[in-house]
C-alpha atoms as a PDB file:
ATOM      1  CA  MET A   1      -8.214 -11.059  29.070  1.00  0.00           C
ATOM      2  CA  THR A   2      -5.854 -13.739  28.453  1.00  0.00           C
ATOM      3  CA  GLU A   3      -3.737 -14.135  25.049  1.00  0.00           C
ATOM      4  CA  GLU A   4      -4.258 -17.315  23.476  1.00  0.00           C
ATOM      5  CA  TRP A   5      -1.868 -19.386  21.943  1.00  0.00           C
ATOM      6  CA  ARG A   6      -2.215 -21.789  18.717  1.00  0.00           C
ATOM      7  CA  LYS A   7       0.376 -24.002  17.031  1.00  0.00           C
ATOM      8  CA  CYS A   8       1.491 -23.081  12.999  1.00  0.00           C
ATOM      9  CA  GLU A   9       0.242 -26.071  11.451  1.00  0.00           C
ATOM     10  CA  ASP A  10       3.402 -25.198   8.585  1.00  0.00           C
ATOM     11  CA  TRP A  11       5.545 -24.328  10.784  1.00  0.00           C
ATOM     12  CA  PRO A  12       5.680 -26.458  13.763  1.00  0.00           C
ATOM     13  CA  LEU A  13       8.323 -24.703  15.772  1.00  0.00           C
ATOM     14  CA  TYR A  14       5.999 -22.006  16.223  1.00  0.00           C
ATOM     15  CA  ALA A  15       3.037 -20.289  17.559  1.00  0.00           C
ATOM     16  CA  VAL A  16       0.789 -17.466  17.267  1.00  0.00           C
ATOM     17  CA  SER A  17      -1.238 -15.917  19.593  1.00  0.00           C
ATOM     18  CA  ASP A  18      -4.681 -13.864  19.206  1.00  0.00           C
ATOM     19  CA  GLN A  19      -3.123 -10.574  19.824  1.00  0.00           C
ATOM     20  CA  GLY A  20      -0.778 -10.652  17.263  1.00  0.00           C
ATOM     21  CA  ARG A  21       2.301 -12.289  18.428  1.00  0.00           C
ATOM     22  CA  LEU A  22       4.672 -15.166  17.535  1.00  0.00           C
ATOM     23  CA  LYS A  23       6.594 -17.441  19.533  1.00  0.00           C
ATOM     24  CA  ARG A  24       9.511 -20.017  19.088  1.00  0.00           C
ATOM     25  CA  GLY A  25       8.961 -22.354  22.355  1.00  0.00           C
ATOM     26  CA  ALA A  26       8.708 -20.141  25.479  1.00  0.00           C
ATOM     27  CA  ARG A  27      10.311 -16.908  23.412  1.00  0.00           C
ATOM     28  CA  ILE A  28       8.328 -14.143  21.654  1.00  0.00           C
ATOM     29  CA  LEU A  29      10.214 -12.805  18.966  1.00  0.00           C
ATOM     30  CA  LYS A  30      10.026  -9.802  17.223  1.00  0.00           C
ATOM     31  CA  THR A  31       8.595  -9.217  14.210  1.00  0.00           C
ATOM     32  CA  THR A  32       9.092  -6.648  11.636  1.00  0.00           C
ATOM     33  CA  ASN A  33       7.015  -4.703   9.541  1.00  0.00           C
ATOM     34  CA  ALA A  34       4.326  -7.287   9.736  1.00  0.00           C
ATOM     35  CA  GLU A  35       6.532  -9.735   8.375  1.00  0.00           C
ATOM     36  CA  CYS A  36       8.721 -12.295  10.141  1.00  0.00           C
ATOM     37  CA  TYR A  37      11.634 -14.730   9.760  1.00  0.00           C
ATOM     38  CA  LEU A  38      11.107 -18.426  10.586  1.00  0.00           C
ATOM     39  CA  TRP A  39      13.183 -21.465  10.148  1.00  0.00           C
ATOM     40  CA  ARG A  40      11.887 -24.989   9.021  1.00  0.00           C
ATOM     41  CA  ASP A  41      13.547 -27.692   6.861  1.00  0.00           C
ATOM     42  CA  GLY A  42      17.104 -26.525   7.452  1.00  0.00           C
ATOM     43  CA  ARG A  43      16.872 -22.753   5.782  1.00  0.00           C
ATOM     44  CA  TRP A  44      15.359 -19.279   6.590  1.00  0.00           C
ATOM     45  CA  TYR A  45      12.112 -18.375   5.474  1.00  0.00           C
ATOM     46  CA  SER A  46      12.018 -14.634   5.122  1.00  0.00           C
ATOM     47  CA  GLY A  47       9.168 -12.225   4.831  1.00  0.00           C
ATOM     48  CA  VAL A  48       6.604 -15.038   5.858  1.00  0.00           C
ATOM     49  CA  PRO A  49       3.032 -12.855   6.359  1.00  0.00           C
ATOM     50  CA  LEU A  50       2.321 -12.944  10.331  1.00  0.00           C
ATOM     51  CA  ALA A  51      -1.450 -12.198   9.556  1.00  0.00           C
ATOM     52  CA  GLY A  52      -1.741 -15.057   7.417  1.00  0.00           C
ATOM     53  CA  LEU A  53      -0.127 -17.414  10.297  1.00  0.00           C
ATOM     54  CA  ILE A  54      -2.607 -16.419  12.843  1.00  0.00           C
ATOM     55  CA  LEU A  55      -5.927 -16.497  10.263  1.00  0.00           C
ATOM     56  CA  ARG A  56      -4.833 -20.009   9.688  1.00  0.00           C
ATOM     57  CA  ALA A  57      -3.694 -21.277  13.082  1.00  0.00           C
ATOM     58  CA  PHE A  58      -7.620 -19.315  14.563  1.00  0.00           C
ATOM     59  CA  VAL A  59      -9.582 -19.283  11.330  1.00  0.00           C
ATOM     60  CA  GLY A  60      -8.339 -22.266   9.144  1.00  0.00           C
ATOM     61  CA  PRO A  61      -7.497 -21.998   5.563  1.00  0.00           C
ATOM     62  CA  PRO A  62      -8.436 -19.441   3.378  1.00  0.00           C
ATOM     63  CA  PRO A  63     -12.228 -20.187   1.798  1.00  0.00           C
ATOM     64  CA  SER A  64     -11.245 -20.484  -1.545  1.00  0.00           C
ATOM     65  CA  PRO A  65      -8.885 -19.942  -3.609  1.00  0.00           C
ATOM     66  CA  ASP A  66      -9.451 -16.275  -5.062  1.00  0.00           C
ATOM     67  CA  GLN A  67     -10.018 -14.930  -0.897  1.00  0.00           C
ATOM     68  CA  ASN A  68      -6.645 -15.962  -0.229  1.00  0.00           C
ATOM     69  CA  LYS A  69      -5.114 -12.395   1.351  1.00  0.00           C
ATOM     70  CA  ALA A  70      -5.143 -11.816   5.124  1.00  0.00           C
ATOM     71  CA  ARG A  71      -6.983  -8.470   5.054  1.00  0.00           C
ATOM     72  CA  HIS A  72      -6.321  -6.112   7.748  1.00  0.00           C
ATOM     73  CA  LEU A  73      -9.864  -4.092   8.167  1.00  0.00           C
ATOM     74  CA  ASN A  74      -8.660  -1.227   9.803  1.00  0.00           C
ATOM     75  CA  ASP A  75      -5.282  -0.721   6.798  1.00  0.00           C
ATOM     76  CA  ASP A  76      -2.602  -0.933  10.111  1.00  0.00           C
ATOM     77  CA  ARG A  77      -0.500  -4.034   8.683  1.00  0.00           C
ATOM     78  CA  THR A  78       1.146  -3.968  11.892  1.00  0.00           C
ATOM     79  CA  ASN A  79      -1.924  -4.450  13.968  1.00  0.00           C
ATOM     80  CA  ASN A  80      -2.450  -8.326  13.737  1.00  0.00           C
ATOM     81  CA  THR A  81      -5.114  -9.117  16.461  1.00  0.00           C
ATOM     82  CA  LEU A  82      -7.354 -11.822  15.306  1.00  0.00           C
ATOM     83  CA  GLY A  83     -10.072  -9.212  15.275  1.00  0.00           C
ATOM     84  CA  ASN A  84      -8.696  -6.712  12.735  1.00  0.00           C
ATOM     85  CA  LEU A  85      -8.213  -9.766  10.647  1.00  0.00           C
ATOM     86  CA  ALA A  86     -10.163 -11.652   7.874  1.00  0.00           C
ATOM     87  CA  TRP A  87      -9.936 -13.629   4.284  1.00  0.00           C
ATOM     88  CA  GLY A  88     -11.110 -11.829   1.365  1.00  0.00           C
ATOM     89  CA  THR A  89      -9.699 -10.887  -2.020  1.00  0.00           C
ATOM     90  CA  GLN A  90      -7.301  -7.928  -3.318  1.00  0.00           C
ATOM     91  CA  GLY A  91     -10.735  -5.970  -4.374  1.00  0.00           C
ATOM     92  CA  ASP A  92     -12.104  -6.140  -0.512  1.00  0.00           C
ATOM     93  CA  ASN A  93      -8.271  -5.112   0.528  1.00  0.00           C
ATOM     94  CA  VAL A  94      -8.571  -1.888  -2.064  1.00  0.00           C
ATOM     95  CA  ARG A  95     -12.322  -1.811  -0.862  1.00  0.00           C
ATOM     96  CA  ASP A  96     -11.189  -1.627   2.535  1.00  0.00           C
ATOM     97  CA  ALA A  97      -8.660   1.332   1.959  1.00  0.00           C
ATOM     98  CA  VAL A  98     -10.942   3.001   0.388  1.00  0.00           C
ATOM     99  CA  ASN A  99     -13.581   2.813   2.847  1.00  0.00           C
ATOM    100  CA  ASN A 100     -10.885   3.993   5.397  1.00  0.00           C
ATOM    101  CA  GLY A 101      -9.835   7.283   3.764  1.00  0.00           C
ATOM    102  CA  LEU A 102      -6.739   5.267   2.363  1.00  0.00           C
ATOM    103  CA  PHE A 103      -5.931   4.471  -0.929  1.00  0.00           C
ATOM    104  CA  ALA A 104      -1.737   4.148  -2.287  1.00  0.00           C
ATOM    105  CA  GLY A 105      -0.650   5.233   1.586  1.00  0.00           C
ATOM    106  CA  ARG A 106      -2.218   8.888   1.083  1.00  0.00           C
ATOM    107  CA  VAL A 107      -5.088  10.060   2.619  1.00  0.00           C
ATOM    108  CA  MET A 108      -8.071  11.001   0.553  1.00  0.00           C
ATOM    109  CA  SER A 109     -10.870  13.173   0.504  1.00  0.00           C
ATOM    110  CA  PRO A 110     -14.345  12.486   0.972  1.00  0.00           C
ATOM    111  CA  GLU A 111     -15.273  14.055  -2.359  1.00  0.00           C
ATOM    112  CA  SER A 112     -12.885  11.709  -4.058  1.00  0.00           C
ATOM    113  CA  ASN A 113     -13.939   8.682  -2.351  1.00  0.00           C
ATOM    114  CA  GLU A 114     -17.392   9.381  -3.046  1.00  0.00           C
ATOM    115  CA  ALA A 115     -16.401   9.582  -7.107  1.00  0.00           C
ATOM    116  CA  ARG A 116     -14.113   7.020  -6.967  1.00  0.00           C
ATOM    117  CA  ARG A 117     -17.366   4.775  -5.081  1.00  0.00           C
ATOM    118  CA  ILE A 118     -19.543   5.761  -7.734  1.00  0.00           C
ATOM    119  CA  ALA A 119     -17.021   5.077 -10.564  1.00  0.00           C
ATOM    120  CA  SER A 120     -16.338   1.178  -9.165  1.00  0.00           C
ATOM    121  CA  THR A 121     -19.877   0.725  -9.790  1.00  0.00           C
ATOM    122  CA  GLY A 122     -19.664   1.211 -14.055  1.00  0.00           C
ATOM    123  CA  ARG A 123     -22.027   3.947 -14.156  1.00  0.00           C
ATOM    124  CA  ARG A 124     -21.171   7.425 -15.908  1.00  0.00           C
ATOM    125  CA  HIS A 125     -20.471  10.102 -13.811  1.00  0.00           C
ATOM    126  CA  THR A 126     -23.258  12.599 -13.070  1.00  0.00           C
ATOM    127  CA  GLU A 127     -22.260  16.496 -13.154  1.00  0.00           C
ATOM    128  CA  GLU A 128     -22.165  16.526  -9.193  1.00  0.00           C
ATOM    129  CA  THR A 129     -19.475  13.661  -9.133  1.00  0.00           C
ATOM    130  CA  LYS A 130     -17.651  15.208 -11.918  1.00  0.00           C
ATOM    131  CA  ALA A 131     -17.853  18.715  -9.802  1.00  0.00           C
ATOM    132  CA  LYS A 132     -16.570  16.468  -6.768  1.00  0.00           C
ATOM    133  CA  MET A 133     -13.830  15.239  -8.680  1.00  0.00           C
ATOM    134  CA  SER A 134     -12.886  18.507  -9.966  1.00  0.00           C
ATOM    135  CA  ILE A 135     -12.827  19.657  -6.253  1.00  0.00           C
ATOM    136  CA  SER A 136     -10.588  17.151  -5.154  1.00  0.00           C
ATOM    137  CA  ASN A 137      -8.092  17.569  -8.022  1.00  0.00           C
ATOM    138  CA  LEU A 138      -8.164  21.499  -7.676  1.00  0.00           C
ATOM    139  CA  ARG A 139      -7.114  20.702  -3.804  1.00  0.00           C
ATOM    140  CA  ARG A 140      -4.643  18.159  -4.889  1.00  0.00           C
ATOM    141  CA  VAL A 141      -3.037  20.784  -7.256  1.00  0.00           C
ATOM    142  CA  GLU A 142      -3.447  23.735  -4.826  1.00  0.00           C
ATOM    143  CA  GLU A 143      -1.539  21.581  -2.156  1.00  0.00           C
ATOM    144  CA  GLU A 144       1.698  20.929  -4.736  1.00  0.00           C
ATOM    145  CA  ARG A 145       1.610  24.401  -5.522  1.00  0.00           C
ATOM    146  CA  GLU A 146       2.098  25.342  -1.606  1.00  0.00           C
ATOM    147  CA  LEU A 147       4.586  22.694  -1.417  1.00  0.00           C
ATOM    148  CA  GLY A 148       6.413  23.614  -4.521  1.00  0.00           C
ATOM    149  CA  ILE A 149       6.132  20.666  -6.120  1.00  0.00           C
ATOM    150  CA  LYS A 150       5.579  20.973  -9.985  1.00  0.00           C
ATOM    151  CA  ARG A 151       4.484  18.051 -11.792  1.00  0.00           C
ATOM    152  CA  VAL A 152       6.193  17.680 -15.563  1.00  0.00           C
ATOM    153  CA  LYS A 153       4.441  15.123 -17.491  1.00  0.00           C
ATOM    154  CA  PRO A 154       7.120  13.647 -20.105  1.00  0.00           C
ATOM    155  CA  ASP A 155       6.621  14.055 -23.575  1.00  0.00           C
ATOM    156  CA  ALA A 156       4.872  11.162 -25.144  1.00  0.00           C
ATOM    157  CA  LEU A 157       7.529  10.838 -27.630  1.00  0.00           C
ATOM    158  CA  SER A 158      10.749   8.541 -27.076  1.00  0.00           C
ATOM    159  CA  THR A 159      13.221  10.455 -24.991  1.00  0.00           C
ATOM    160  CA  ALA A 160      15.921   9.229 -27.249  1.00  0.00           C
ATOM    161  CA  GLY A 161      18.576  12.106 -27.869  1.00  0.00           C
ATOM    162  CA  ARG A 162      17.695  13.891 -24.703  1.00  0.00           C
ATOM    163  CA  VAL A 163      18.280  14.124 -21.022  1.00  0.00           C
ATOM    164  CA  TRP A 164      16.179  15.082 -18.225  1.00  0.00           C
ATOM    165  CA  VAL A 165      17.447  18.099 -16.352  1.00  0.00           C
ATOM    166  CA  THR A 166      16.554  19.778 -12.795  1.00  0.00           C
ATOM    167  CA  ASN A 167      17.062  22.846 -10.910  1.00  0.00           C
ATOM    168  CA  GLY A 168      15.827  20.904  -7.577  1.00  0.00           C
ATOM    169  CA  VAL A 169      12.217  22.472  -8.345  1.00  0.00           C
ATOM    170  CA  GLU A 170      10.826  21.599 -11.816  1.00  0.00           C
ATOM    171  CA  CYS A 171      12.641  19.256 -14.385  1.00  0.00           C
ATOM    172  CA  LYS A 172      12.639  18.900 -18.268  1.00  0.00           C
ATOM    173  CA  LEU A 173      13.793  17.085 -21.192  1.00  0.00           C
ATOM    174  CA  ILE A 174      16.704  18.840 -23.098  1.00  0.00           C
ATOM    175  CA  ILE A 175      17.859  17.940 -26.536  1.00  0.00           C
ATOM    176  CA  ARG A 176      21.520  15.490 -25.557  1.00  0.00           C
ATOM    177  CA  GLY A 177      24.626  18.164 -25.996  1.00  0.00           C
ATOM    178  CA  SER A 178      22.605  21.553 -25.785  1.00  0.00           C
ATOM    179  CA  PRO A 179      23.778  24.098 -23.480  1.00  0.00           C
ATOM    180  CA  MET A 180      22.642  23.376 -19.751  1.00  0.00           C
ATOM    181  CA  PRO A 181      20.748  25.995 -18.460  1.00  0.00           C
ATOM    182  CA  ASP A 182      22.331  28.045 -15.760  1.00  0.00           C
ATOM    183  CA  GLY A 183      21.094  26.736 -12.353  1.00  0.00           C
ATOM    184  CA  TRP A 184      20.266  23.089 -14.025  1.00  0.00           C
ATOM    185  CA  TYR A 185      22.007  19.984 -13.439  1.00  0.00           C
ATOM    186  CA  ARG A 186      21.605  16.418 -14.958  1.00  0.00           C
ATOM    187  CA  GLY A 187      19.094  14.436 -13.569  1.00  0.00           C
ATOM    188  CA  ARG A 188      15.203  13.825 -12.631  1.00  0.00           C
ATOM    189  CA  LEU A 189      12.593  14.596  -9.705  1.00  0.00           C
ATOM    190  CA  LEU A 190      10.847  11.352  -9.259  1.00  0.00           C
END
């Protein structure tokens, strides 16, 4: 299969290919994390999304103002081949992430995916869905316990007059000026 190149309409010095590559003149350029640095009007522009350039060159402009996001159908931002790209909304992007088993960069369990799908329809949770959500939360808690992660919820009250301390495993708020517990130091785990 031959690689097809097309000029970038808004960036006259550059061309993009259907294989997700960018070139200036005859030189193929490296792109970092699906974004590129481009020269126009006597200055450099950083963080230009390569996926948007490819879609504009091969598909055309976004079909509507709300469908202006370049979607990666397999959620891999470094895969900018034309077959993996489509125009859509932010909601389409989130649905893709949920359907592909990813959300906020972490893999979700099938039970959790199903619970979120049902919740997104606006219906009330059935007992079965609640059970699936509970199973998913129990798995997350068990994984965190195995890894030694302990979640600490900050008090709903203001932290004024208190400081965060940690022992490297957990963290808590103590009153400013009170003695520091042995093995603890000032700071907070994120």
